[in-house]
Protein backbone atom coordinates (compact mmCIF):
# COMPACT_ATOMS: atom_id res chain seq x y z
CA UNK A 1 44.41 6.37 9.76
CA UNK A 2 42.51 3.91 11.94
CA UNK A 3 41.40 4.21 15.57
CA UNK A 4 40.09 1.79 18.07
CA UNK A 5 37.82 4.41 19.72
CA UNK A 6 34.79 4.81 17.76
CA UNK A 7 33.83 8.19 19.32
CA UNK A 8 36.96 9.30 17.35
CA UNK A 9 35.75 8.35 14.02
CA UNK A 10 34.84 11.13 11.78
CA UNK A 11 31.28 11.74 12.05
CA UNK A 12 28.98 14.51 10.79
CA UNK A 13 25.40 15.54 12.29
CA UNK A 14 23.24 17.95 10.62
CA UNK A 15 20.30 19.24 12.33
CA UNK A 16 17.22 21.23 10.80
CA UNK A 17 14.74 22.71 12.89
CA UNK A 18 11.63 23.98 11.20
CA UNK A 19 9.00 25.27 13.37
CA UNK A 20 8.38 22.41 16.24
CA UNK A 21 9.89 19.52 13.96
CA UNK A 22 13.53 18.65 14.33
CA UNK A 23 15.35 16.49 11.94
CA UNK A 24 18.72 14.92 12.46
CA UNK A 25 20.77 13.45 9.87
CA UNK A 26 23.77 11.31 11.04
CA UNK A 27 26.77 10.41 8.83
CA UNK A 28 29.44 8.33 10.56
CA UNK A 29 32.56 7.41 8.50
CA UNK A 30 33.79 3.80 9.45
CA UNK A 31 36.29 3.72 6.45
CA UNK A 32 39.06 1.59 7.57
CA UNK A 33 37.50 0.41 10.57
CA UNK A 34 35.83 -2.99 11.58
CA UNK A 35 33.00 -2.07 13.63
CA UNK A 36 31.98 -4.59 16.42
CA UNK A 37 28.82 -5.01 17.89
CA UNK A 38 29.76 -3.21 20.90
CA UNK A 39 30.82 -0.15 19.08
CA UNK A 40 27.55 0.04 16.98
CA UNK A 41 25.79 -0.21 20.58
CA UNK A 42 27.80 2.88 21.41
CA UNK A 43 26.65 4.75 18.33
CA UNK A 44 23.04 3.68 18.82
CA UNK A 45 23.37 5.28 22.51
CA UNK A 46 25.00 8.24 21.30
CA UNK A 47 22.55 9.03 18.49
CA UNK A 48 19.81 8.05 20.94
CA UNK A 49 21.07 10.54 23.57
CA UNK A 50 21.44 13.36 21.06
CA UNK A 51 17.94 12.69 19.88
CA UNK A 52 16.66 12.85 23.55
CA UNK A 53 18.68 16.00 24.14
CA UNK A 54 16.85 17.81 21.22
CA UNK A 55 13.51 16.64 22.32
CA UNK A 56 12.49 14.14 19.75
């Protein structure tokens, strides 16, 4: 099923914290979607905000 809102796409975020090191892996499923440049900017901003939130 498709959606025009990229924030409703299925995504998974894996975060691993070892001591002072934080690793984050983002898996974004865009199957059935045709991401536009604006949507890619939204994801970049979302991921950047998440990384800033965890202090990396």
